[in-house]
PDB file of N, CA and C in Angstrom:
ATOM      1  N   MET A   1      71.218  97.025 114.963  1.00  0.00           N
ATOM      2  CA  MET A   1      71.465  95.704 114.395  1.00  0.00           C
ATOM      3  C   MET A   1      72.821  95.199 114.894  1.00  0.00           C
ATOM      4  N   THR A   2      72.855  93.978 115.358  1.00  0.00           N
ATOM      5  CA  THR A   2      74.092  93.391 115.855  1.00  0.00           C
ATOM      6  C   THR A   2      74.942  92.854 114.702  1.00  0.00           C
ATOM      7  N   ILE A   3      76.204  92.554 115.010  1.00  0.00           N
ATOM      8  CA  ILE A   3      77.103  91.958 114.022  1.00  0.00           C
ATOM      9  C   ILE A   3      76.510  90.637 113.521  1.00  0.00           C
ATOM     10  N   LYS A   4      75.991  89.861 114.450  1.00  0.00           N
ATOM     11  CA  LYS A   4      75.390  88.567 114.094  1.00  0.00           C
ATOM     12  C   LYS A   4      74.236  88.758 113.105  1.00  0.00           C
ATOM     13  N   ASP A   5      73.352  89.724 113.370  1.00  0.00           N
ATOM     14  CA  ASP A   5      72.223  90.002 112.475  1.00  0.00           C
ATOM     15  C   ASP A   5      72.702  90.463 111.101  1.00  0.00           C
ATOM     16  N   LEU A   6      73.726  91.314 111.097  1.00  0.00           N
ATOM     17  CA  LEU A   6      74.259  91.826 109.839  1.00  0.00           C
ATOM     18  C   LEU A   6      74.856  90.693 108.999  1.00  0.00           C
ATOM     19  N   ILE A   7      75.602  89.801 109.632  1.00  0.00           N
ATOM     20  CA  ILE A   7      76.177  88.641 108.928  1.00  0.00           C
ATOM     21  C   ILE A   7      75.063  87.785 108.325  1.00  0.00           C
ATOM     22  N   ILE A   8      74.037  87.481 109.127  1.00  0.00           N
ATOM     23  CA  ILE A   8      72.947  86.629 108.656  1.00  0.00           C
ATOM     24  C   ILE A   8      72.196  87.294 107.512  1.00  0.00           C
ATOM     25  N   ASN A   9      71.862  88.570 107.652  1.00  0.00           N
ATOM     26  CA  ASN A   9      71.117  89.286 106.606  1.00  0.00           C
ATOM     27  C   ASN A   9      71.913  89.369 105.305  1.00  0.00           C
ATOM     28  N   LYS A  10      73.191  89.655 105.406  1.00  0.00           N
ATOM     29  CA  LYS A  10      74.013  89.789 104.202  1.00  0.00           C
ATOM     30  C   LYS A  10      74.241  88.422 103.546  1.00  0.00           C
ATOM     31  N   ALA A  11      74.504  87.378 104.346  1.00  0.00           N
ATOM     32  CA  ALA A  11      74.757  86.042 103.793  1.00  0.00           C
ATOM     33  C   ALA A  11      73.541  85.504 103.048  1.00  0.00           C
ATOM     34  N   GLN A  12      72.353  85.926 103.430  1.00  0.00           N
ATOM     35  CA  GLN A  12      71.137  85.492 102.737  1.00  0.00           C
ATOM     36  C   GLN A  12      71.122  85.943 101.278  1.00  0.00           C
ATOM     37  N   GLN A  13      71.910  86.952 100.935  1.00  0.00           N
ATOM     38  CA  GLN A  13      71.967  87.471  99.566  1.00  0.00           C
ATOM     39  C   GLN A  13      72.847  86.611  98.655  1.00  0.00           C
ATOM     40  N   SER A  14      73.656  85.743  99.241  1.00  0.00           N
ATOM     41  CA  SER A  14      74.549  84.896  98.449  1.00  0.00           C
ATOM     42  C   SER A  14      73.747  83.792  97.763  1.00  0.00           C
ATOM     43  N   ASN A  15      74.088  83.520  96.520  1.00  0.00           N
ATOM     44  CA  ASN A  15      73.425  82.421  95.816  1.00  0.00           C
ATOM     45  C   ASN A  15      74.361  81.218  95.666  1.00  0.00           C
ATOM     46  N   CYS A  16      75.442  81.203  96.448  1.00  0.00           N
ATOM     47  CA  CYS A  16      76.372  80.080  96.443  1.00  0.00           C
ATOM     48  C   CYS A  16      75.853  78.955  97.332  1.00  0.00           C
ATOM     49  N   CYS A  17      76.421  77.790  97.185  1.00  0.00           N
ATOM     50  CA  CYS A  17      76.045  76.630  97.996  1.00  0.00           C
ATOM     51  C   CYS A  17      76.286  76.911  99.482  1.00  0.00           C
ATOM     52  N   TYR A  18      77.465  77.445  99.808  1.00  0.00           N
ATOM     53  CA  TYR A  18      77.780  77.876 101.167  1.00  0.00           C
ATOM     54  C   TYR A  18      77.590  79.380 101.209  1.00  0.00           C
ATOM     55  N   ARG A  19      76.608  79.852 101.965  1.00  0.00           N
ATOM     56  CA  ARG A  19      76.295  81.286 102.006  1.00  0.00           C
ATOM     57  C   ARG A  19      77.109  81.949 103.111  1.00  0.00           C
ATOM     58  N   ILE A  20      78.053  82.775 102.680  1.00  0.00           N
ATOM     59  CA  ILE A  20      79.028  83.368 103.584  1.00  0.00           C
ATOM     60  C   ILE A  20      79.048  84.878 103.405  1.00  0.00           C
ATOM     61  N   ALA A  21      79.185  85.586 104.538  1.00  0.00           N
ATOM     62  CA  ALA A  21      79.311  87.038 104.529  1.00  0.00           C
ATOM     63  C   ALA A  21      80.534  87.427 105.350  1.00  0.00           C
ATOM     64  N   ALA A  22      81.106  88.579 105.016  1.00  0.00           N
ATOM     65  CA  ALA A  22      82.257  89.106 105.746  1.00  0.00           C
ATOM     66  C   ALA A  22      82.041  90.589 106.007  1.00  0.00           C
ATOM     67  N   ILE A  23      82.431  91.021 107.194  1.00  0.00           N
ATOM     68  CA  ILE A  23      82.335  92.423 107.587  1.00  0.00           C
ATOM     69  C   ILE A  23      83.752  92.923 107.828  1.00  0.00           C
ATOM     70  N   GLY A  24      84.135  93.998 107.160  1.00  0.00           N
ATOM     71  CA  GLY A  24      85.461  94.576 107.323  1.00  0.00           C
ATOM     72  C   GLY A  24      85.408  95.775 108.256  1.00  0.00           C
ATOM     73  N   LEU A  25      86.311  95.786 109.229  1.00  0.00           N
ATOM     74  CA  LEU A  25      86.374  96.872 110.209  1.00  0.00           C
ATOM     75  C   LEU A  25      87.707  97.599 110.119  1.00  0.00           C
ATOM     76  N   ASN A  26      87.693  98.909 110.395  1.00  0.00           N
ATOM     77  CA  ASN A  26      88.928  99.688 110.398  1.00  0.00           C
ATOM     78  C   ASN A  26      89.530  99.716 111.808  1.00  0.00           C
ATOM     79  N   ARG A  27      90.551 100.552 112.015  1.00  0.00           N
ATOM     80  CA  ARG A  27      91.228 100.639 113.320  1.00  0.00           C
ATOM     81  C   ARG A  27      90.286 101.034 114.449  1.00  0.00           C
ATOM     82  N   LYS A  28      89.315 101.859 114.135  1.00  0.00           N
ATOM     83  CA  LYS A  28      88.380 102.357 115.145  1.00  0.00           C
ATOM     84  C   LYS A  28      87.235 101.384 115.410  1.00  0.00           C
ATOM     85  N   GLY A  29      87.188 100.284 114.670  1.00  0.00           N
ATOM     86  CA  GLY A  29      86.115  99.316 114.829  1.00  0.00           C
ATOM     87  C   GLY A  29      84.877  99.671 114.031  1.00  0.00           C
ATOM     88  N   GLU A  30      85.003 100.633 113.128  1.00  0.00           N
ATOM     89  CA  GLU A  30      83.884 101.038 112.271  1.00  0.00           C
ATOM     90  C   GLU A  30      83.816 100.124 111.049  1.00  0.00           C
ATOM     91  N   ILE A  31      82.613  99.871 110.590  1.00  0.00           N
ATOM     92  CA  ILE A  31      82.424  99.023 109.412  1.00  0.00           C
ATOM     93  C   ILE A  31      82.863  99.767 108.157  1.00  0.00           C
ATOM     94  N   VAL A  32      83.818  99.183 107.445  1.00  0.00           N
ATOM     95  CA  VAL A  32      84.315  99.748 106.191  1.00  0.00           C
ATOM     96  C   VAL A  32      83.470  99.225 105.038  1.00  0.00           C
ATOM     97  N   ALA A  33      83.220  97.909 105.037  1.00  0.00           N
ATOM     98  CA  ALA A  33      82.460  97.287 103.954  1.00  0.00           C
ATOM     99  C   ALA A  33      81.945  95.925 104.407  1.00  0.00           C
ATOM    100  N   VAL A  34      80.944  95.451 103.685  1.00  0.00           N
ATOM    101  CA  VAL A  34      80.368  94.133 103.917  1.00  0.00           C
ATOM    102  C   VAL A  34      80.306  93.433 102.564  1.00  0.00           C
ATOM    103  N   SER A  35      80.652  92.151 102.526  1.00  0.00           N
ATOM    104  CA  SER A  35      80.623  91.427 101.252  1.00  0.00           C
ATOM    105  C   SER A  35      80.105  90.007 101.458  1.00  0.00           C
ATOM    106  N   ILE A  36      79.812  89.369 100.333  1.00  0.00           N
ATOM    107  CA  ILE A  36      79.400  87.965 100.334  1.00  0.00           C
ATOM    108  C   ILE A  36      80.298  87.198  99.377  1.00  0.00           C
ATOM    109  N   ASN A  37      80.311  85.865  99.522  1.00  0.00           N
ATOM    110  CA  ASN A  37      81.070  85.060  98.570  1.00  0.00           C
ATOM    111  C   ASN A  37      80.375  85.113  97.214  1.00  0.00           C
ATOM    112  N   GLN A  38      81.180  84.979  96.154  1.00  0.00           N
ATOM    113  CA  GLN A  38      80.657  85.152  94.801  1.00  0.00           C
ATOM    114  C   GLN A  38      81.120  84.019  93.904  1.00  0.00           C
ATOM    115  N   HIS A  39      80.291  83.675  92.945  1.00  0.00           N
ATOM    116  CA  HIS A  39      80.673  82.672  91.940  1.00  0.00           C
ATOM    117  C   HIS A  39      81.761  83.248  91.049  1.00  0.00           C
ATOM    118  N   ARG A  40      82.779  82.471  90.811  1.00  0.00           N
ATOM    119  CA  ARG A  40      83.822  82.857  89.869  1.00  0.00           C
ATOM    120  C   ARG A  40      83.676  82.041  88.602  1.00  0.00           C
ATOM    121  N   PHE A  41      83.473  80.742  88.762  1.00  0.00           N
ATOM    122  CA  PHE A  41      83.251  79.835  87.649  1.00  0.00           C
ATOM    123  C   PHE A  41      81.952  79.088  87.945  1.00  0.00           C
ATOM    124  N   PRO A  42      80.811  79.641  87.584  1.00  0.00           N
ATOM    125  CA  PRO A  42      79.525  79.057  87.979  1.00  0.00           C
ATOM    126  C   PRO A  42      79.341  77.591  87.616  1.00  0.00           C
ATOM    127  N   HIS A  43      79.934  77.138  86.532  1.00  0.00           N
ATOM    128  CA  HIS A  43      79.732  75.760  86.105  1.00  0.00           C
ATOM    129  C   HIS A  43      80.787  74.804  86.651  1.00  0.00           C
ATOM    130  N   HIS A  44      81.767  75.337  87.371  1.00  0.00           N
ATOM    131  CA  HIS A  44      82.837  74.485  87.896  1.00  0.00           C
ATOM    132  C   HIS A  44      82.920  74.531  89.420  1.00  0.00           C
ATOM    133  N   GLY A  45      82.040  75.267  90.084  1.00  0.00           N
ATOM    134  CA  GLY A  45      81.987  75.267  91.534  1.00  0.00           C
ATOM    135  C   GLY A  45      82.964  76.190  92.233  1.00  0.00           C
ATOM    136  N   GLY A  46      83.803  76.911  91.506  1.00  0.00           N
ATOM    137  CA  GLY A  46      84.763  77.805  92.137  1.00  0.00           C
ATOM    138  C   GLY A  46      84.129  79.132  92.502  1.00  0.00           C
ATOM    139  N   GLY A  47      84.705  79.818  93.459  1.00  0.00           N
ATOM    140  CA  GLY A  47      84.158  81.102  93.858  1.00  0.00           C
ATOM    141  C   GLY A  47      85.196  81.972  94.530  1.00  0.00           C
ATOM    142  N   ILE A  48      84.836  83.219  94.739  1.00  0.00           N
ATOM    143  CA  ILE A  48      85.699  84.167  95.441  1.00  0.00           C
ATOM    144  C   ILE A  48      85.158  84.305  96.852  1.00  0.00           C
ATOM    145  N   HIS A  49      86.015  84.083  97.823  1.00  0.00           N
ATOM    146  CA  HIS A  49      85.597  84.142  99.214  1.00  0.00           C
ATOM    147  C   HIS A  49      85.260  85.572  99.627  1.00  0.00           C
ATOM    148  N   ALA A  50      84.301  85.698 100.534  1.00  0.00           N
ATOM    149  CA  ALA A  50      83.826  87.013 100.979  1.00  0.00           C
ATOM    150  C   ALA A  50      84.956  87.840 101.582  1.00  0.00           C
ATOM    151  N   GLU A  51      85.831  87.206 102.359  1.00  0.00           N
ATOM    152  CA  GLU A  51      86.925  87.949 102.976  1.00  0.00           C
ATOM    153  C   GLU A  51      87.959  88.393 101.951  1.00  0.00           C
ATOM    154  N   MET A  52      88.153  87.598 100.887  1.00  0.00           N
ATOM    155  CA  MET A  52      89.089  87.982  99.837  1.00  0.00           C
ATOM    156  C   MET A  52      88.558  89.187  99.058  1.00  0.00           C
ATOM    157  N   VAL A  53      87.249  89.240  98.874  1.00  0.00           N
ATOM    158  CA  VAL A  53      86.637  90.400  98.209  1.00  0.00           C
ATOM    159  C   VAL A  53      86.986  91.665  98.984  1.00  0.00           C
ATOM    160  N   LEU A  54      86.842  91.611 100.300  1.00  0.00           N
ATOM    161  CA  LEU A  54      87.158  92.779 101.127  1.00  0.00           C
ATOM    162  C   LEU A  54      88.638  93.132 101.066  1.00  0.00           C
ATOM    163  N   MET A  55      89.503  92.131 101.141  1.00  0.00           N
ATOM    164  CA  MET A  55      90.947  92.406 101.129  1.00  0.00           C
ATOM    165  C   MET A  55      91.402  92.985  99.797  1.00  0.00           C
ATOM    166  N   ARG A  56      90.743  92.601  98.707  1.00  0.00           N
ATOM    167  CA  ARG A  56      91.099  93.165  97.400  1.00  0.00           C
ATOM    168  C   ARG A  56      90.606  94.595  97.239  1.00  0.00           C
ATOM    169  N   LYS A  57      89.432  94.893  97.779  1.00  0.00           N
ATOM    170  CA  LYS A  57      88.851  96.222  97.596  1.00  0.00           C
ATOM    171  C   LYS A  57      89.354  97.255  98.609  1.00  0.00           C
ATOM    172  N   HIS A  58      89.701  96.815  99.824  1.00  0.00           N
ATOM    173  CA  HIS A  58      90.073  97.749 100.896  1.00  0.00           C
ATOM    174  C   HIS A  58      91.329  97.287 101.644  1.00  0.00           C
ATOM    175  N   PRO A  59      92.433  97.029 100.948  1.00  0.00           N
ATOM    176  CA  PRO A  59      93.605  96.455 101.618  1.00  0.00           C
ATOM    177  C   PRO A  59      94.243  97.353 102.679  1.00  0.00           C
ATOM    178  N   LYS A  60      94.133  98.653 102.524  1.00  0.00           N
ATOM    179  CA  LYS A  60      94.816  99.565 103.449  1.00  0.00           C
ATOM    180  C   LYS A  60      93.960 100.003 104.625  1.00  0.00           C
ATOM    181  N   SER A  61      92.653  99.976 104.478  1.00  0.00           N
ATOM    182  CA  SER A  61      91.800 100.484 105.553  1.00  0.00           C
ATOM    183  C   SER A  61      91.316  99.395 106.509  1.00  0.00           C
ATOM    184  N   LEU A  62      91.454  98.123 106.143  1.00  0.00           N
ATOM    185  CA  LEU A  62      90.973  97.043 107.006  1.00  0.00           C
ATOM    186  C   LEU A  62      91.976  96.683 108.090  1.00  0.00           C
ATOM    187  N   ARG A  63      91.458  96.377 109.278  1.00  0.00           N
ATOM    188  CA  ARG A  63      92.275  95.848 110.365  1.00  0.00           C
ATOM    189  C   ARG A  63      91.717  94.534 110.890  1.00  0.00           C
ATOM    190  N   LYS A  64      90.414  94.315 110.664  1.00  0.00           N
ATOM    191  CA  LYS A  64      89.764  93.107 111.151  1.00  0.00           C
ATOM    192  C   LYS A  64      88.643  92.733 110.201  1.00  0.00           C
ATOM    193  N   ILE A  65      88.477  91.435 109.971  1.00  0.00           N
ATOM    194  CA  ILE A  65      87.374  90.917 109.162  1.00  0.00           C
ATOM    195  C   ILE A  65      86.652  89.863 109.984  1.00  0.00           C
ATOM    196  N   ILE A  66      85.343  89.990 110.060  1.00  0.00           N
ATOM    197  CA  ILE A  66      84.513  89.002 110.743  1.00  0.00           C
ATOM    198  C   ILE A  66      83.768  88.231 109.668  1.00  0.00           C
ATOM    199  N   ILE A  67      83.914  86.901 109.681  1.00  0.00           N
ATOM    200  CA  ILE A  67      83.243  86.071 108.682  1.00  0.00           C
ATOM    201  C   ILE A  67      82.195  85.188 109.352  1.00  0.00           C
ATOM    202  N   GLY A  68      81.145  84.884 108.595  1.00  0.00           N
ATOM    203  CA  GLY A  68      80.090  84.011 109.095  1.00  0.00           C
ATOM    204  C   GLY A  68      79.439  83.256 107.965  1.00  0.00           C
ATOM    205  N   ARG A  69      78.933  82.079 108.274  1.00  0.00           N
ATOM    206  CA  ARG A  69      78.268  81.227 107.284  1.00  0.00           C
ATOM    207  C   ARG A  69      76.909  80.843 107.833  1.00  0.00           C
ATOM    208  N   ILE A  70      75.904  80.807 106.953  1.00  0.00           N
ATOM    209  CA  ILE A  70      74.575  80.407 107.396  1.00  0.00           C
ATOM    210  C   ILE A  70      74.128  79.151 106.654  1.00  0.00           C
ATOM    211  N   GLY A  71      73.261  78.389 107.311  1.00  0.00           N
ATOM    212  CA  GLY A  71      72.704  77.182 106.726  1.00  0.00           C
ATOM    213  C   GLY A  71      71.395  77.472 106.019  1.00  0.00           C
ATOM    214  N   ARG A  72      70.702  76.416 105.640  1.00  0.00           N
ATOM    215  CA  ARG A  72      69.456  76.548 104.874  1.00  0.00           C
ATOM    216  C   ARG A  72      68.356  77.289 105.633  1.00  0.00           C
ATOM    217  N   SER A  73      68.315  77.121 106.937  1.00  0.00           N
ATOM    218  CA  SER A  73      67.278  77.815 107.714  1.00  0.00           C
ATOM    219  C   SER A  73      67.831  79.085 108.352  1.00  0.00           C
ATOM    220  N   ASN A  74      68.891  79.642 107.753  1.00  0.00           N
ATOM    221  CA  ASN A  74      69.507  80.914 108.151  1.00  0.00           C
ATOM    222  C   ASN A  74      70.112  80.910 109.548  1.00  0.00           C
ATOM    223  N   GLU A  75      70.477  79.722 110.049  1.00  0.00           N
ATOM    224  CA  GLU A  75      71.178  79.651 111.324  1.00  0.00           C
ATOM    225  C   GLU A  75      72.677  79.711 111.048  1.00  0.00           C
ATOM    226  N   LEU A  76      73.445  80.266 111.990  1.00  0.00           N
ATOM    227  CA  LEU A  76      74.888  80.333 111.829  1.00  0.00           C
ATOM    228  C   LEU A  76      75.488  78.935 111.863  1.00  0.00           C
ATOM    229  N   ARG A  77      76.459  78.719 111.018  1.00  0.00           N
ATOM    230  CA  ARG A  77      77.156  77.442 110.911  1.00  0.00           C
ATOM    231  C   ARG A  77      78.643  77.674 111.169  1.00  0.00           C
ATOM    232  N   PRO A  78      79.388  76.649 111.555  1.00  0.00           N
ATOM    233  CA  PRO A  78      80.835  76.808 111.778  1.00  0.00           C
ATOM    234  C   PRO A  78      81.567  77.190 110.492  1.00  0.00           C
ATOM    235  N   ILE A  79      82.613  77.992 110.648  1.00  0.00           N
ATOM    236  CA  ILE A  79      83.422  78.424 109.505  1.00  0.00           C
ATOM    237  C   ILE A  79      84.806  78.814 110.011  1.00  0.00           C
ATOM    238  N   SER A  80      85.786  78.708 109.146  1.00  0.00           N
ATOM    239  CA  SER A  80      87.121  79.235 109.402  1.00  0.00           C
ATOM    240  C   SER A  80      87.707  79.642 108.059  1.00  0.00           C
ATOM    241  N   PRO A  81      88.634  80.600 108.053  1.00  0.00           N
ATOM    242  CA  PRO A  81      89.196  81.046 106.771  1.00  0.00           C
ATOM    243  C   PRO A  81      90.064  79.960 106.145  1.00  0.00           C
ATOM    244  N   CYS A  82      90.077  79.923 104.821  1.00  0.00           N
ATOM    245  CA  CYS A  82      90.940  78.975 104.115  1.00  0.00           C
ATOM    246  C   CYS A  82      92.391  79.437 104.242  1.00  0.00           C
ATOM    247  N   SER A  83      93.316  78.580 103.862  1.00  0.00           N
ATOM    248  CA  SER A  83      94.738  78.915 104.006  1.00  0.00           C
ATOM    249  C   SER A  83      95.138  80.112 103.138  1.00  0.00           C
ATOM    250  N   SER A  84      94.563  80.238 101.946  1.00  0.00           N
ATOM    251  CA  SER A  84      94.905  81.371 101.066  1.00  0.00           C
ATOM    252  C   SER A  84      94.452  82.702 101.670  1.00  0.00           C
ATOM    253  N   CYS A  85      93.230  82.729 102.173  1.00  0.00           N
ATOM    254  CA  CYS A  85      92.716  83.959 102.786  1.00  0.00           C
ATOM    255  C   CYS A  85      93.492  84.285 104.056  1.00  0.00           C
ATOM    256  N   TYR A  86      93.824  83.258 104.824  1.00  0.00           N
ATOM    257  CA  TYR A  86      94.582  83.458 106.056  1.00  0.00           C
ATOM    258  C   TYR A  86      95.970  84.030 105.754  1.00  0.00           C
ATOM    259  N   LYS A  87      96.654  83.470 104.760  1.00  0.00           N
ATOM    260  CA  LYS A  87      97.985  83.963 104.390  1.00  0.00           C
ATOM    261  C   LYS A  87      97.925  85.405 103.905  1.00  0.00           C
ATOM    262  N   LYS A  88      96.926  85.706 103.065  1.00  0.00           N
ATOM    263  CA  LYS A  88      96.776  87.071 102.554  1.00  0.00           C
ATOM    264  C   LYS A  88      96.504  88.045 103.695  1.00  0.00           C
ATOM    265  N   SER A  89      95.710  87.631 104.657  1.00  0.00           N
ATOM    266  CA  SER A  89      95.409  88.510 105.794  1.00  0.00           C
ATOM    267  C   SER A  89      96.669  88.784 106.613  1.00  0.00           C
ATOM    268  N   LEU A  90      97.526  87.786 106.770  1.00  0.00           N
ATOM    269  CA  LEU A  90      98.786  87.989 107.492  1.00  0.00           C
ATOM    270  C   LEU A  90      99.677  88.990 106.757  1.00  0.00           C
ATOM    271  N   GLU A  91      99.744  88.865 105.428  1.00  0.00           N
ATOM    272  CA  GLU A  91     100.541  89.795 104.621  1.00  0.00           C
ATOM    273  C   GLU A  91     100.073  91.237 104.800  1.00  0.00           C
ATOM    274  N   LEU A  92      98.748  91.412 104.891  1.00  0.00           N
ATOM    275  CA  LEU A  92      98.168  92.752 104.979  1.00  0.00           C
ATOM    276  C   LEU A  92      98.007  93.244 106.421  1.00  0.00           C
ATOM    277  N   GLY A  93      98.274  92.392 107.392  1.00  0.00           N
ATOM    278  CA  GLY A  93      98.122  92.779 108.791  1.00  0.00           C
ATOM    279  C   GLY A  93      96.667  92.857 109.233  1.00  0.00           C
ATOM    280  N   ILE A  94      95.835  92.001 108.669  1.00  0.00           N
ATOM    281  CA  ILE A  94      94.405  91.985 108.968  1.00  0.00           C
ATOM    282  C   ILE A  94      94.088  90.717 109.759  1.00  0.00           C
ATOM    283  N   LYS A  95      93.334  90.878 110.828  1.00  0.00           N
ATOM    284  CA  LYS A  95      92.927  89.736 111.640  1.00  0.00           C
ATOM    285  C   LYS A  95      91.570  89.236 111.157  1.00  0.00           C
ATOM    286  N   ILE A  96      91.449  87.924 110.918  1.00  0.00           N
ATOM    287  CA  ILE A  96      90.172  87.331 110.510  1.00  0.00           C
ATOM    288  C   ILE A  96      89.574  86.586 111.700  1.00  0.00           C
ATOM    289  N   ILE A  97      88.339  86.918 112.018  1.00  0.00           N
ATOM    290  CA  ILE A  97      87.623  86.290 113.120  1.00  0.00           C
ATOM    291  C   ILE A  97      86.391  85.602 112.559  1.00  0.00           C
ATOM    292  N   ALA A  98      86.209  84.339 112.920  1.00  0.00           N
ATOM    293  CA  ALA A  98      85.022  83.592 112.501  1.00  0.00           C
ATOM    294  C   ALA A  98      83.973  83.710 113.598  1.00  0.00           C
ATOM    295  N   ILE A  99      82.787  84.148 113.211  1.00  0.00           N
ATOM    296  CA  ILE A  99      81.703  84.283 114.171  1.00  0.00           C
ATOM    297  C   ILE A  99      81.265  82.883 114.608  1.00  0.00           C
ATOM    298  N   LYS A 100      81.034  82.708 115.875  1.00  0.00           N
ATOM    299  CA  LYS A 100      80.672  81.394 116.414  1.00  0.00           C
ATOM    300  C   LYS A 100      79.166  81.270 116.510  1.00  0.00           C
ATOM    301  N   PRO A 101      78.608  80.126 116.084  1.00  0.00           N
ATOM    302  CA  PRO A 101      77.150  79.940 116.082  1.00  0.00           C
ATOM    303  C   PRO A 101      76.502  80.051 117.456  1.00  0.00           C
ATOM    304  N   ASP A 102      77.196  79.619 118.490  1.00  0.00           N
ATOM    305  CA  ASP A 102      76.592  79.591 119.819  1.00  0.00           C
ATOM    306  C   ASP A 102      76.893  80.818 120.671  1.00  0.00           C
ATOM    307  N   TYR A 103      77.506  81.854 120.091  1.00  0.00           N
ATOM    308  CA  TYR A 103      77.869  83.054 120.831  1.00  0.00           C
ATOM    309  C   TYR A 103      76.926  84.182 120.451  1.00  0.00           C
ATOM    310  N   ASP A 104      76.487  84.969 121.407  1.00  0.00           N
ATOM    311  CA  ASP A 104      75.563  86.066 121.137  1.00  0.00           C
ATOM    312  C   ASP A 104      76.340  87.366 120.972  1.00  0.00           C
ATOM    313  N   TYR A 105      76.345  87.923 119.772  1.00  0.00           N
ATOM    314  CA  TYR A 105      77.118  89.132 119.473  1.00  0.00           C
ATOM    315  C   TYR A 105      76.293  90.366 119.681  1.00  0.00           C
TER     316      TYR A 105
END
């Protein structure tokens, strides 16, 4: 299974409006964990980003996070990390990479 397939399969499990998955990798490039975005306040539209879930659970073992978003027909859509996730990743020394829809992984 490719990284692209893993992102798409995992993001399908999200019940949020924007279905997003993140894959956390260690120094060796091995997958540490995979997460999806989650509702935090279901009635107010807020949520916890998939990459933030990984950074909270595995702050010391992560070196890279790959994020991806899928649309209604499970095709990859453009995405980039928010400023909060980006700042947190810099603090922890983790690189966040957004998977590109038109690139074959």
